[in-house]
Structure formats: C-alpha cells, structure tokens
Amino acid sequence: ITPFLQGCSDYSVTLRKTAAEALDNMLQHQHIRQELQDVYNIEKTFHTERIPNLEAIWSNSVLPLCLDGEVSCALKVAELFSKTIIIPLTGEQQSNKICQSAWKILENVSKG
C-alpha cells in the first residue's frame, strides 16, 4: 500500500490519479471480500485479519487530492468521492458494509 500512498503525493498528475483510483479499488474489493466471507460463512484467516484501515488511508491520501492544483486530479477525486461516499449514503447501494465504510471515512475527516 505504501507505493500508492506515496503516489498520491507524487509530482506526476497521472500517478496521483492512478494511485487514488488504486486505493479506491482496494477499498471496494475489501467490501466484496468481507461480504463473501459473511455470506458463505468463511472463517477469517491470518491474512484477512491483517487488512489495514483502508478508510483511514482513503481519507488521508485520496480525499486531500480534491484540493489538487491540477483540475483533472481534483475531478477524479470528486468522482471517487461520489462513488465511495455519496452514492452509498443516499441509498442507491444497499450493502451495509459499503455504507459503514462511507461513514468511517467521514468520521476520519471529522477527526482531522
């Protein structure tokens, strides 16, 4: 995950956008994996228990890019914010895990 964290603050606009999208994809795939574990009653393994707090990483690395001086980068983050926060909280996605994740991100933002 470290290369993506560093990528969010890189000089290259393309790398910042790609890193933000990669972290967002990791967050989305975490939800899918958790839901499959719940649905199929799969026991959590050592590997799945060591998942980092992707909501905190997202709020600290991806979200600040909305203030990026490069408009295309800020627009990419606005798109990711809509997909990751707004849409789940407006009820268009029914997954409880995704809604919880959106609230966790907002909680991290409120803590500063």
PDB file of N, CA and C in Angstrom:
ATOM      1  N   ILE A   1       0.826  -1.191   0.000  1.00  0.00           N
ATOM      2  CA  ILE A   1       0.000   0.000   0.000  1.00  0.00           C
ATOM      3  C   ILE A   1       0.868   1.253   0.000  1.00  0.00           C
ATOM      4  N   THR A   2       2.052   1.156   0.552  1.00  0.00           N
ATOM      5  CA  THR A   2       2.939   2.325   0.645  1.00  0.00           C
ATOM      6  C   THR A   2       3.194   3.000  -0.699  1.00  0.00           C
ATOM      7  N   PRO A   3       3.444   2.253  -1.782  1.00  0.00           N
ATOM      8  CA  PRO A   3       3.663   2.943  -3.065  1.00  0.00           C
ATOM      9  C   PRO A   3       2.456   3.779  -3.507  1.00  0.00           C
ATOM     10  N   PHE A   4       1.251   3.322  -3.178  1.00  0.00           N
ATOM     11  CA  PHE A   4       0.056   4.082  -3.551  1.00  0.00           C
ATOM     12  C   PHE A   4      -0.089   5.335  -2.682  1.00  0.00           C
ATOM     13  N   LEU A   5       0.278   5.214  -1.410  1.00  0.00           N
ATOM     14  CA  LEU A   5       0.261   6.381  -0.528  1.00  0.00           C
ATOM     15  C   LEU A   5       1.220   7.446  -1.049  1.00  0.00           C
ATOM     16  N   GLN A   6       2.413   7.010  -1.418  1.00  0.00           N
ATOM     17  CA  GLN A   6       3.404   7.934  -1.958  1.00  0.00           C
ATOM     18  C   GLN A   6       2.951   8.484  -3.303  1.00  0.00           C
ATOM     19  N   GLY A   7       2.279   7.654  -4.087  1.00  0.00           N
ATOM     20  CA  GLY A   7       1.799   8.074  -5.397  1.00  0.00           C
ATOM     21  C   GLY A   7       0.788   9.199  -5.318  1.00  0.00           C
ATOM     22  N   CYS A   8       0.009   9.234  -4.241  1.00  0.00           N
ATOM     23  CA  CYS A   8      -0.990  10.292  -4.078  1.00  0.00           C
ATOM     24  C   CYS A   8      -0.365  11.668  -3.881  1.00  0.00           C
ATOM     25  N   SER A   9       0.894  11.705  -3.504  1.00  0.00           N
ATOM     26  CA  SER A   9       1.567  12.995  -3.321  1.00  0.00           C
ATOM     27  C   SER A   9       2.717  13.184  -4.317  1.00  0.00           C
ATOM     28  N   ASP A  10       2.736  12.378  -5.359  1.00  0.00           N
ATOM     29  CA  ASP A  10       3.798  12.460  -6.364  1.00  0.00           C
ATOM     30  C   ASP A  10       3.645  13.714  -7.225  1.00  0.00           C
ATOM     31  N   TYR A  11       4.726  14.095  -7.870  1.00  0.00           N
ATOM     32  CA  TYR A  11       4.734  15.248  -8.771  1.00  0.00           C
ATOM     33  C   TYR A  11       3.872  14.991 -10.010  1.00  0.00           C
ATOM     34  N   SER A  12       3.851  13.753 -10.465  1.00  0.00           N
ATOM     35  CA  SER A  12       3.129  13.391 -11.691  1.00  0.00           C
ATOM     36  C   SER A  12       1.611  13.342 -11.464  1.00  0.00           C
ATOM     37  N   VAL A  13       0.890  14.089 -12.274  1.00  0.00           N
ATOM     38  CA  VAL A  13      -0.574  14.111 -12.183  1.00  0.00           C
ATOM     39  C   VAL A  13      -1.138  12.728 -12.462  1.00  0.00           C
ATOM     40  N   THR A  14      -0.624  12.076 -13.475  1.00  0.00           N
ATOM     41  CA  THR A  14      -1.103  10.738 -13.842  1.00  0.00           C
ATOM     42  C   THR A  14      -0.909   9.758 -12.697  1.00  0.00           C
ATOM     43  N   LEU A  15       0.229   9.849 -12.051  1.00  0.00           N
ATOM     44  CA  LEU A  15       0.500   8.940 -10.932  1.00  0.00           C
ATOM     45  C   LEU A  15      -0.420   9.238  -9.748  1.00  0.00           C
ATOM     46  N   ARG A  16      -0.674  10.508  -9.465  1.00  0.00           N
ATOM     47  CA  ARG A  16      -1.591  10.846  -8.368  1.00  0.00           C
ATOM     48  C   ARG A  16      -2.981  10.289  -8.638  1.00  0.00           C
ATOM     49  N   LYS A  17      -3.469  10.471  -9.853  1.00  0.00           N
ATOM     50  CA  LYS A  17      -4.808   9.975 -10.194  1.00  0.00           C
ATOM     51  C   LYS A  17      -4.858   8.452 -10.151  1.00  0.00           C
ATOM     52  N   THR A  18      -3.834   7.809 -10.665  1.00  0.00           N
ATOM     53  CA  THR A  18      -3.788   6.345 -10.681  1.00  0.00           C
ATOM     54  C   THR A  18      -3.702   5.787  -9.265  1.00  0.00           C
ATOM     55  N   ALA A  19      -2.891   6.404  -8.424  1.00  0.00           N
ATOM     56  CA  ALA A  19      -2.760   5.943  -7.035  1.00  0.00           C
ATOM     57  C   ALA A  19      -4.080   6.100  -6.283  1.00  0.00           C
ATOM     58  N   ALA A  20      -4.766   7.215  -6.495  1.00  0.00           N
ATOM     59  CA  ALA A  20      -6.064   7.439  -5.843  1.00  0.00           C
ATOM     60  C   ALA A  20      -7.070   6.384  -6.284  1.00  0.00           C
ATOM     61  N   GLU A  21      -7.083   6.102  -7.569  1.00  0.00           N
ATOM     62  CA  GLU A  21      -8.011   5.099  -8.085  1.00  0.00           C
ATOM     63  C   GLU A  21      -7.666   3.706  -7.568  1.00  0.00           C
ATOM     64  N   ALA A  22      -6.373   3.404  -7.449  1.00  0.00           N
ATOM     65  CA  ALA A  22      -5.955   2.097  -6.931  1.00  0.00           C
ATOM     66  C   ALA A  22      -6.376   1.926  -5.475  1.00  0.00           C
ATOM     67  N   LEU A  23      -6.198   2.968  -4.661  1.00  0.00           N
ATOM     68  CA  LEU A  23      -6.628   2.886  -3.257  1.00  0.00           C
ATOM     69  C   LEU A  23      -8.141   2.746  -3.156  1.00  0.00           C
ATOM     70  N   ASP A  24      -8.863   3.431  -4.034  1.00  0.00           N
ATOM     71  CA  ASP A  24     -10.315   3.296  -4.044  1.00  0.00           C
ATOM     72  C   ASP A  24     -10.722   1.874  -4.431  1.00  0.00           C
ATOM     73  N   ASN A  25     -10.040   1.303  -5.411  1.00  0.00           N
ATOM     74  CA  ASN A  25     -10.325  -0.084  -5.820  1.00  0.00           C
ATOM     75  C   ASN A  25     -10.050  -1.062  -4.685  1.00  0.00           C
ATOM     76  N   MET A  26      -8.972  -0.831  -3.951  1.00  0.00           N
ATOM     77  CA  MET A  26      -8.671  -1.700  -2.805  1.00  0.00           C
ATOM     78  C   MET A  26      -9.792  -1.640  -1.776  1.00  0.00           C
ATOM     79  N   LEU A  27     -10.291  -0.444  -1.531  1.00  0.00           N
ATOM     80  CA  LEU A  27     -11.388  -0.270  -0.580  1.00  0.00           C
ATOM     81  C   LEU A  27     -12.636  -1.008  -1.058  1.00  0.00           C
ATOM     82  N   GLN A  28     -12.964  -0.888  -2.338  1.00  0.00           N
ATOM     83  CA  GLN A  28     -14.140  -1.560  -2.893  1.00  0.00           C
ATOM     84  C   GLN A  28     -13.988  -3.082  -2.832  1.00  0.00           C
ATOM     85  N   HIS A  29     -12.793  -3.590  -3.148  1.00  0.00           N
ATOM     86  CA  HIS A  29     -12.572  -5.040  -3.114  1.00  0.00           C
ATOM     87  C   HIS A  29     -12.591  -5.573  -1.683  1.00  0.00           C
ATOM     88  N   GLN A  30     -12.202  -4.757  -0.729  1.00  0.00           N
ATOM     89  CA  GLN A  30     -12.290  -5.167   0.672  1.00  0.00           C
ATOM     90  C   GLN A  30     -13.738  -5.455   1.039  1.00  0.00           C
ATOM     91  N   HIS A  31     -14.660  -4.622   0.557  1.00  0.00           N
ATOM     92  CA  HIS A  31     -16.082  -4.831   0.842  1.00  0.00           C
ATOM     93  C   HIS A  31     -16.573  -6.134   0.234  1.00  0.00           C
ATOM     94  N   ILE A  32     -16.189  -6.386  -0.979  1.00  0.00           N
ATOM     95  CA  ILE A  32     -16.618  -7.610  -1.665  1.00  0.00           C
ATOM     96  C   ILE A  32     -16.128  -8.832  -0.902  1.00  0.00           C
ATOM     97  N   ARG A  33     -14.852  -8.817  -0.508  1.00  0.00           N
ATOM     98  CA  ARG A  33     -14.281  -9.955   0.215  1.00  0.00           C
ATOM     99  C   ARG A  33     -15.004 -10.161   1.546  1.00  0.00           C
ATOM    100  N   GLN A  34     -15.276  -9.076   2.271  1.00  0.00           N
ATOM    101  CA  GLN A  34     -15.959  -9.181   3.561  1.00  0.00           C
ATOM    102  C   GLN A  34     -17.371  -9.725   3.394  1.00  0.00           C
ATOM    103  N   GLU A  35     -18.070  -9.290   2.363  1.00  0.00           N
ATOM    104  CA  GLU A  35     -19.432  -9.781   2.136  1.00  0.00           C
ATOM    105  C   GLU A  35     -19.427 -11.257   1.765  1.00  0.00           C
ATOM    106  N   LEU A  36     -18.475 -11.682   0.955  1.00  0.00           N
ATOM    107  CA  LEU A  36     -18.383 -13.106   0.603  1.00  0.00           C
ATOM    108  C   LEU A  36     -18.090 -13.945   1.842  1.00  0.00           C
ATOM    109  N   GLN A  37     -17.224 -13.440   2.712  1.00  0.00           N
ATOM    110  CA  GLN A  37     -16.922 -14.165   3.947  1.00  0.00           C
ATOM    111  C   GLN A  37     -18.173 -14.301   4.800  1.00  0.00           C
ATOM    112  N   ASP A  38     -18.965 -13.244   4.855  1.00  0.00           N
ATOM    113  CA  ASP A  38     -20.191 -13.282   5.651  1.00  0.00           C
ATOM    114  C   ASP A  38     -21.232 -14.217   5.040  1.00  0.00           C
ATOM    115  N   VAL A  39     -21.431 -14.113   3.728  1.00  0.00           N
ATOM    116  CA  VAL A  39     -22.457 -14.911   3.041  1.00  0.00           C
ATOM    117  C   VAL A  39     -22.136 -16.395   3.097  1.00  0.00           C
ATOM    118  N   TYR A  40     -20.878 -16.729   2.847  1.00  0.00           N
ATOM    119  CA  TYR A  40     -20.504 -18.142   2.785  1.00  0.00           C
ATOM    120  C   TYR A  40     -19.903 -18.651   4.089  1.00  0.00           C
ATOM    121  N   ASN A  41     -19.992 -17.826   5.139  1.00  0.00           N
ATOM    122  CA  ASN A  41     -19.516 -18.215   6.457  1.00  0.00           C
ATOM    123  C   ASN A  41     -18.074 -18.718   6.416  1.00  0.00           C
ATOM    124  N   ILE A  42     -17.242 -17.966   5.716  1.00  0.00           N
ATOM    125  CA  ILE A  42     -15.826 -18.320   5.593  1.00  0.00           C
ATOM    126  C   ILE A  42     -15.093 -17.754   6.801  1.00  0.00           C
ATOM    127  N   GLU A  43     -14.300 -18.603   7.431  1.00  0.00           N
ATOM    128  CA  GLU A  43     -13.536 -18.136   8.584  1.00  0.00           C
ATOM    129  C   GLU A  43     -12.461 -17.168   8.121  1.00  0.00           C
ATOM    130  N   LYS A  44     -12.236 -16.166   8.941  1.00  0.00           N
ATOM    131  CA  LYS A  44     -11.182 -15.205   8.632  1.00  0.00           C
ATOM    132  C   LYS A  44      -9.829 -15.867   8.903  1.00  0.00           C
ATOM    133  N   THR A  45      -8.918 -15.695   7.978  1.00  0.00           N
ATOM    134  CA  THR A  45      -7.579 -16.242   8.142  1.00  0.00           C
ATOM    135  C   THR A  45      -6.668 -15.157   8.677  1.00  0.00           C
ATOM    136  N   PHE A  46      -5.470 -15.527   9.003  1.00  0.00           N
ATOM    137  CA  PHE A  46      -4.486 -14.556   9.481  1.00  0.00           C
ATOM    138  C   PHE A  46      -4.310 -13.441   8.467  1.00  0.00           C
ATOM    139  N   HIS A  47      -4.289 -13.798   7.187  1.00  0.00           N
ATOM    140  CA  HIS A  47      -4.096 -12.806   6.128  1.00  0.00           C
ATOM    141  C   HIS A  47      -5.234 -11.788   6.108  1.00  0.00           C
ATOM    142  N   THR A  48      -6.467 -12.234   6.222  1.00  0.00           N
ATOM    143  CA  THR A  48      -7.594 -11.305   6.134  1.00  0.00           C
ATOM    144  C   THR A  48      -7.739 -10.460   7.390  1.00  0.00           C
ATOM    145  N   GLU A  49      -7.187 -10.905   8.505  1.00  0.00           N
ATOM    146  CA  GLU A  49      -7.277 -10.114   9.728  1.00  0.00           C
ATOM    147  C   GLU A  49      -6.266  -8.980   9.749  1.00  0.00           C
ATOM    148  N   ARG A  50      -5.263  -9.033   8.886  1.00  0.00           N
ATOM    149  CA  ARG A  50      -4.212  -8.020   8.864  1.00  0.00           C
ATOM    150  C   ARG A  50      -4.501  -6.917   7.847  1.00  0.00           C
ATOM    151  N   ILE A  51      -5.736  -6.765   7.429  1.00  0.00           N
ATOM    152  CA  ILE A  51      -6.101  -5.737   6.464  1.00  0.00           C
ATOM    153  C   ILE A  51      -5.943  -4.371   7.129  1.00  0.00           C
ATOM    154  N   PRO A  52      -5.239  -3.455   6.473  1.00  0.00           N
ATOM    155  CA  PRO A  52      -5.087  -2.125   7.060  1.00  0.00           C
ATOM    156  C   PRO A  52      -6.414  -1.371   7.049  1.00  0.00           C
ATOM    157  N   ASN A  53      -6.473  -0.300   7.790  1.00  0.00           N
ATOM    158  CA  ASN A  53      -7.667   0.528   7.837  1.00  0.00           C
ATOM    159  C   ASN A  53      -7.732   1.347   6.549  1.00  0.00           C
ATOM    160  N   LEU A  54      -8.330   0.773   5.541  1.00  0.00           N
ATOM    161  CA  LEU A  54      -8.372   1.423   4.234  1.00  0.00           C
ATOM    162  C   LEU A  54      -9.219   2.695   4.240  1.00  0.00           C
ATOM    163  N   GLU A  55     -10.188   2.779   5.133  1.00  0.00           N
ATOM    164  CA  GLU A  55     -10.980   4.008   5.227  1.00  0.00           C
ATOM    165  C   GLU A  55     -10.105   5.179   5.679  1.00  0.00           C
ATOM    166  N   ALA A  56      -9.242   4.937   6.667  1.00  0.00           N
ATOM    167  CA  ALA A  56      -8.336   5.989   7.140  1.00  0.00           C
ATOM    168  C   ALA A  56      -7.328   6.348   6.054  1.00  0.00           C
ATOM    169  N   ILE A  57      -6.820   5.342   5.384  1.00  0.00           N
ATOM    170  CA  ILE A  57      -5.871   5.588   4.292  1.00  0.00           C
ATOM    171  C   ILE A  57      -6.545   6.403   3.194  1.00  0.00           C
ATOM    172  N   TRP A  58      -7.774   6.041   2.848  1.00  0.00           N
ATOM    173  CA  TRP A  58      -8.509   6.740   1.791  1.00  0.00           C
ATOM    174  C   TRP A  58      -8.723   8.201   2.181  1.00  0.00           C
ATOM    175  N   SER A  59      -9.174   8.430   3.414  1.00  0.00           N
ATOM    176  CA  SER A  59      -9.472   9.806   3.826  1.00  0.00           C
ATOM    177  C   SER A  59      -8.211  10.653   3.965  1.00  0.00           C
ATOM    178  N   ASN A  60      -7.081  10.040   4.283  1.00  0.00           N
ATOM    179  CA  ASN A  60      -5.832  10.793   4.455  1.00  0.00           C
ATOM    180  C   ASN A  60      -5.012  10.931   3.178  1.00  0.00           C
ATOM    181  N   SER A  61      -5.237  10.065   2.199  1.00  0.00           N
ATOM    182  CA  SER A  61      -4.420  10.093   0.984  1.00  0.00           C
ATOM    183  C   SER A  61      -5.194  10.496  -0.263  1.00  0.00           C
ATOM    184  N   VAL A  62      -6.388   9.967  -0.410  1.00  0.00           N
ATOM    185  CA  VAL A  62      -7.172  10.240  -1.617  1.00  0.00           C
ATOM    186  C   VAL A  62      -7.928  11.557  -1.489  1.00  0.00           C
ATOM    187  N   LEU A  63      -8.646  11.723  -0.409  1.00  0.00           N
ATOM    188  CA  LEU A  63      -9.507  12.898  -0.243  1.00  0.00           C
ATOM    189  C   LEU A  63      -8.769  14.240  -0.350  1.00  0.00           C
ATOM    190  N   PRO A  64      -7.552  14.382   0.203  1.00  0.00           N
ATOM    191  CA  PRO A  64      -6.863  15.663   0.059  1.00  0.00           C
ATOM    192  C   PRO A  64      -6.599  16.074  -1.397  1.00  0.00           C
ATOM    193  N   LEU A  65      -6.635  15.110  -2.298  1.00  0.00           N
ATOM    194  CA  LEU A  65      -6.410  15.435  -3.708  1.00  0.00           C
ATOM    195  C   LEU A  65      -7.557  16.241  -4.312  1.00  0.00           C
ATOM    196  N   CYS A  66      -8.656  16.396  -3.592  1.00  0.00           N
ATOM    197  CA  CYS A  66      -9.739  17.244  -4.106  1.00  0.00           C
ATOM    198  C   CYS A  66      -9.292  18.705  -4.151  1.00  0.00           C
ATOM    199  N   LEU A  67      -8.244  19.040  -3.404  1.00  0.00           N
ATOM    200  CA  LEU A  67      -7.676  20.387  -3.408  1.00  0.00           C
ATOM    201  C   LEU A  67      -6.474  20.510  -4.338  1.00  0.00           C
ATOM    202  N   ASP A  68      -6.228  19.464  -5.121  1.00  0.00           N
ATOM    203  CA  ASP A  68      -5.089  19.445  -6.037  1.00  0.00           C
ATOM    204  C   ASP A  68      -5.177  20.612  -7.020  1.00  0.00           C
ATOM    205  N   GLY A  69      -4.039  21.213  -7.298  1.00  0.00           N
ATOM    206  CA  GLY A  69      -3.994  22.324  -8.246  1.00  0.00           C
ATOM    207  C   GLY A  69      -4.308  21.916  -9.671  1.00  0.00           C
ATOM    208  N   GLU A  70      -4.141  20.649  -9.969  1.00  0.00           N
ATOM    209  CA  GLU A  70      -4.459  20.131 -11.300  1.00  0.00           C
ATOM    210  C   GLU A  70      -5.940  19.742 -11.320  1.00  0.00           C
ATOM    211  N   VAL A  71      -6.702  20.391 -12.183  1.00  0.00           N
ATOM    212  CA  VAL A  71      -8.156  20.197 -12.220  1.00  0.00           C
ATOM    213  C   VAL A  71      -8.534  18.749 -12.500  1.00  0.00           C
ATOM    214  N   SER A  72      -7.813  18.078 -13.394  1.00  0.00           N
ATOM    215  CA  SER A  72      -8.173  16.695 -13.729  1.00  0.00           C
ATOM    216  C   SER A  72      -8.019  15.772 -12.527  1.00  0.00           C
ATOM    217  N   CYS A  73      -7.070  16.071 -11.676  1.00  0.00           N
ATOM    218  CA  CYS A  73      -6.863  15.272 -10.466  1.00  0.00           C
ATOM    219  C   CYS A  73      -7.999  15.526  -9.472  1.00  0.00           C
ATOM    220  N   ALA A  74      -8.357  16.773  -9.288  1.00  0.00           N
ATOM    221  CA  ALA A  74      -9.466  17.118  -8.383  1.00  0.00           C
ATOM    222  C   ALA A  74     -10.778  16.523  -8.882  1.00  0.00           C
ATOM    223  N   LEU A  75     -10.979  16.530 -10.194  1.00  0.00           N
ATOM    224  CA  LEU A  75     -12.200  15.938 -10.759  1.00  0.00           C
ATOM    225  C   LEU A  75     -12.240  14.425 -10.544  1.00  0.00           C
ATOM    226  N   LYS A  76     -11.091  13.771 -10.651  1.00  0.00           N
ATOM    227  CA  LYS A  76     -11.015  12.319 -10.411  1.00  0.00           C
ATOM    228  C   LYS A  76     -11.424  12.017  -8.968  1.00  0.00           C
ATOM    229  N   VAL A  77     -10.942  12.811  -8.028  1.00  0.00           N
ATOM    230  CA  VAL A  77     -11.278  12.586  -6.622  1.00  0.00           C
ATOM    231  C   VAL A  77     -12.759  12.890  -6.374  1.00  0.00           C
ATOM    232  N   ALA A  78     -13.300  13.889  -7.046  1.00  0.00           N
ATOM    233  CA  ALA A  78     -14.735  14.171  -6.911  1.00  0.00           C
ATOM    234  C   ALA A  78     -15.559  12.979  -7.392  1.00  0.00           C
ATOM    235  N   GLU A  79     -15.121  12.363  -8.475  1.00  0.00           N
ATOM    236  CA  GLU A  79     -15.791  11.168  -9.000  1.00  0.00           C
ATOM    237  C   GLU A  79     -15.704  10.020  -7.985  1.00  0.00           C
ATOM    238  N   LEU A  80     -14.505   9.812  -7.424  1.00  0.00           N
ATOM    239  CA  LEU A  80     -14.316   8.751  -6.430  1.00  0.00           C
ATOM    240  C   LEU A  80     -15.117   9.038  -5.164  1.00  0.00           C
ATOM    241  N   PHE A  81     -15.186  10.300  -4.748  1.00  0.00           N
ATOM    242  CA  PHE A  81     -15.951  10.683  -3.568  1.00  0.00           C
ATOM    243  C   PHE A  81     -17.432  10.372  -3.771  1.00  0.00           C
ATOM    244  N   SER A  82     -17.923  10.684  -4.931  1.00  0.00           N
ATOM    245  CA  SER A  82     -19.324  10.400  -5.234  1.00  0.00           C
ATOM    246  C   SER A  82     -19.599   8.899  -5.170  1.00  0.00           C
ATOM    247  N   LYS A  83     -18.725   8.119  -5.788  1.00  0.00           N
ATOM    248  CA  LYS A  83     -18.899   6.659  -5.839  1.00  0.00           C
ATOM    249  C   LYS A  83     -18.746   6.022  -4.457  1.00  0.00           C
ATOM    250  N   THR A  84     -17.818   6.526  -3.659  1.00  0.00           N
ATOM    251  CA  THR A  84     -17.464   5.887  -2.397  1.00  0.00           C
ATOM    252  C   THR A  84     -18.251   6.414  -1.201  1.00  0.00           C
ATOM    253  N   ILE A  85     -18.675   7.675  -1.257  1.00  0.00           N
ATOM    254  CA  ILE A  85     -19.366   8.288  -0.113  1.00  0.00           C
ATOM    255  C   ILE A  85     -20.826   8.621  -0.427  1.00  0.00           C
ATOM    256  N   ILE A  86     -21.044   9.441  -1.435  1.00  0.00           N
ATOM    257  CA  ILE A  86     -22.382   9.978  -1.706  1.00  0.00           C
ATOM    258  C   ILE A  86     -23.374   8.894  -2.103  1.00  0.00           C
ATOM    259  N   ILE A  87     -23.042   8.105  -3.092  1.00  0.00           N
ATOM    260  CA  ILE A  87     -23.976   7.082  -3.594  1.00  0.00           C
ATOM    261  C   ILE A  87     -24.343   6.068  -2.503  1.00  0.00           C
ATOM    262  N   PRO A  88     -23.374   5.528  -1.748  1.00  0.00           N
ATOM    263  CA  PRO A  88     -23.779   4.592  -0.690  1.00  0.00           C
ATOM    264  C   PRO A  88     -24.675   5.216   0.374  1.00  0.00           C
ATOM    265  N   LEU A  89     -24.434   6.472   0.714  1.00  0.00           N
ATOM    266  CA  LEU A  89     -25.209   7.098   1.782  1.00  0.00           C
ATOM    267  C   LEU A  89     -26.574   7.602   1.331  1.00  0.00           C
ATOM    268  N   THR A  90     -26.786   7.681   0.024  1.00  0.00           N
ATOM    269  CA  THR A  90     -28.099   8.099  -0.468  1.00  0.00           C
ATOM    270  C   THR A  90     -28.997   6.903  -0.729  1.00  0.00           C
ATOM    271  N   GLY A  91     -28.527   5.707  -0.413  1.00  0.00           N
ATOM    272  CA  GLY A  91     -29.356   4.518  -0.509  1.00  0.00           C
ATOM    273  C   GLY A  91     -29.384   3.852  -1.866  1.00  0.00           C
ATOM    274  N   GLU A  92     -28.576   4.311  -2.790  1.00  0.00           N
ATOM    275  CA  GLU A  92     -28.565   3.696  -4.110  1.00  0.00           C
ATOM    276  C   GLU A  92     -27.821   2.361  -4.093  1.00  0.00           C
ATOM    277  N   GLN A  93     -27.012   2.135  -3.085  1.00  0.00           N
ATOM    278  CA  GLN A  93     -26.362   0.841  -2.887  1.00  0.00           C
ATOM    279  C   GLN A  93     -26.831   0.323  -1.538  1.00  0.00           C
ATOM    280  N   GLN A  94     -27.266  -0.895  -1.493  1.00  0.00           N
ATOM    281  CA  GLN A  94     -27.866  -1.434  -0.281  1.00  0.00           C
ATOM    282  C   GLN A  94     -26.882  -2.150   0.642  1.00  0.00           C
ATOM    283  N   SER A  95     -25.633  -2.289   0.242  1.00  0.00           N
ATOM    284  CA  SER A  95     -24.673  -3.018   1.053  1.00  0.00           C
ATOM    285  C   SER A  95     -24.381  -2.280   2.356  1.00  0.00           C
ATOM    286  N   ASN A  96     -24.618  -2.938   3.457  1.00  0.00           N
ATOM    287  CA  ASN A  96     -24.376  -2.351   4.772  1.00  0.00           C
ATOM    288  C   ASN A  96     -22.888  -2.068   4.978  1.00  0.00           C
ATOM    289  N   LYS A  97     -22.022  -2.944   4.505  1.00  0.00           N
ATOM    290  CA  LYS A  97     -20.578  -2.768   4.668  1.00  0.00           C
ATOM    291  C   LYS A  97     -20.096  -1.523   3.942  1.00  0.00           C
ATOM    292  N   ILE A  98     -20.637  -1.269   2.769  1.00  0.00           N
ATOM    293  CA  ILE A  98     -20.231  -0.101   1.995  1.00  0.00           C
ATOM    294  C   ILE A  98     -20.706   1.178   2.692  1.00  0.00           C
ATOM    295  N   CYS A  99     -21.905   1.162   3.223  1.00  0.00           N
ATOM    296  CA  CYS A  99     -22.411   2.327   3.974  1.00  0.00           C
ATOM    297  C   CYS A  99     -21.575   2.568   5.228  1.00  0.00           C
ATOM    298  N   GLN A 100     -21.235   1.508   5.931  1.00  0.00           N
ATOM    299  CA  GLN A 100     -20.400   1.645   7.121  1.00  0.00           C
ATOM    300  C   GLN A 100     -19.044   2.232   6.762  1.00  0.00           C
ATOM    301  N   SER A 101     -18.508   1.801   5.649  1.00  0.00           N
ATOM    302  CA  SER A 101     -17.216   2.312   5.195  1.00  0.00           C
ATOM    303  C   SER A 101     -17.299   3.800   4.884  1.00  0.00           C
ATOM    304  N   ALA A 102     -18.373   4.226   4.233  1.00  0.00           N
ATOM    305  CA  ALA A 102     -18.557   5.646   3.926  1.00  0.00           C
ATOM    306  C   ALA A 102     -18.616   6.464   5.217  1.00  0.00           C
ATOM    307  N   TRP A 103     -19.341   5.958   6.219  1.00  0.00           N
ATOM    308  CA  TRP A 103     -19.412   6.668   7.500  1.00  0.00           C
ATOM    309  C   TRP A 103     -18.062   6.702   8.191  1.00  0.00           C
ATOM    310  N   LYS A 104     -17.281   5.631   8.087  1.00  0.00           N
ATOM    311  CA  LYS A 104     -15.945   5.611   8.698  1.00  0.00           C
ATOM    312  C   LYS A 104     -15.038   6.658   8.060  1.00  0.00           C
ATOM    313  N   ILE A 105     -15.147   6.810   6.741  1.00  0.00           N
ATOM    314  CA  ILE A 105     -14.342   7.826   6.058  1.00  0.00           C
ATOM    315  C   ILE A 105     -14.732   9.214   6.556  1.00  0.00           C
ATOM    316  N   LEU A 106     -16.020   9.470   6.646  1.00  0.00           N
ATOM    317  CA  LEU A 106     -16.478  10.781   7.127  1.00  0.00           C
ATOM    318  C   LEU A 106     -16.065  10.999   8.585  1.00  0.00           C
ATOM    319  N   GLU A 107     -16.068   9.942   9.372  1.00  0.00           N
ATOM    320  CA  GLU A 107     -15.617  10.051  10.758  1.00  0.00           C
ATOM    321  C   GLU A 107     -14.147  10.441  10.806  1.00  0.00           C
ATOM    322  N   ASN A 108     -13.326   9.823   9.941  1.00  0.00           N
ATOM    323  CA  ASN A 108     -11.907  10.167   9.881  1.00  0.00           C
ATOM    324  C   ASN A 108     -11.713  11.624   9.477  1.00  0.00           C
ATOM    325  N   VAL A 109     -12.530  12.098   8.569  1.00  0.00           N
ATOM    326  CA  VAL A 109     -12.447  13.507   8.134  1.00  0.00           C
ATOM    327  C   VAL A 109     -12.788  14.435   9.299  1.00  0.00           C
ATOM    328  N   SER A 110     -13.816  14.079  10.061  1.00  0.00           N
ATOM    329  CA  SER A 110     -14.227  14.939  11.176  1.00  0.00           C
ATOM    330  C   SER A 110     -13.177  15.001  12.277  1.00  0.00           C
ATOM    331  N   LYS A 111     -12.376  13.933  12.406  1.00  0.00           N
ATOM    332  CA  LYS A 111     -11.314  13.907  13.422  1.00  0.00           C
ATOM    333  C   LYS A 111     -10.136  14.757  12.996  1.00  0.00           C
ATOM    334  N   GLY A 112     -10.064  15.036  11.697  1.00  0.00           N
ATOM    335  CA  GLY A 112      -8.972  15.891  11.211  1.00  0.00           C
ATOM    336  C   GLY A 112      -7.820  15.099  10.887  1.00  0.00           C
TER     337      GLY A 112
END
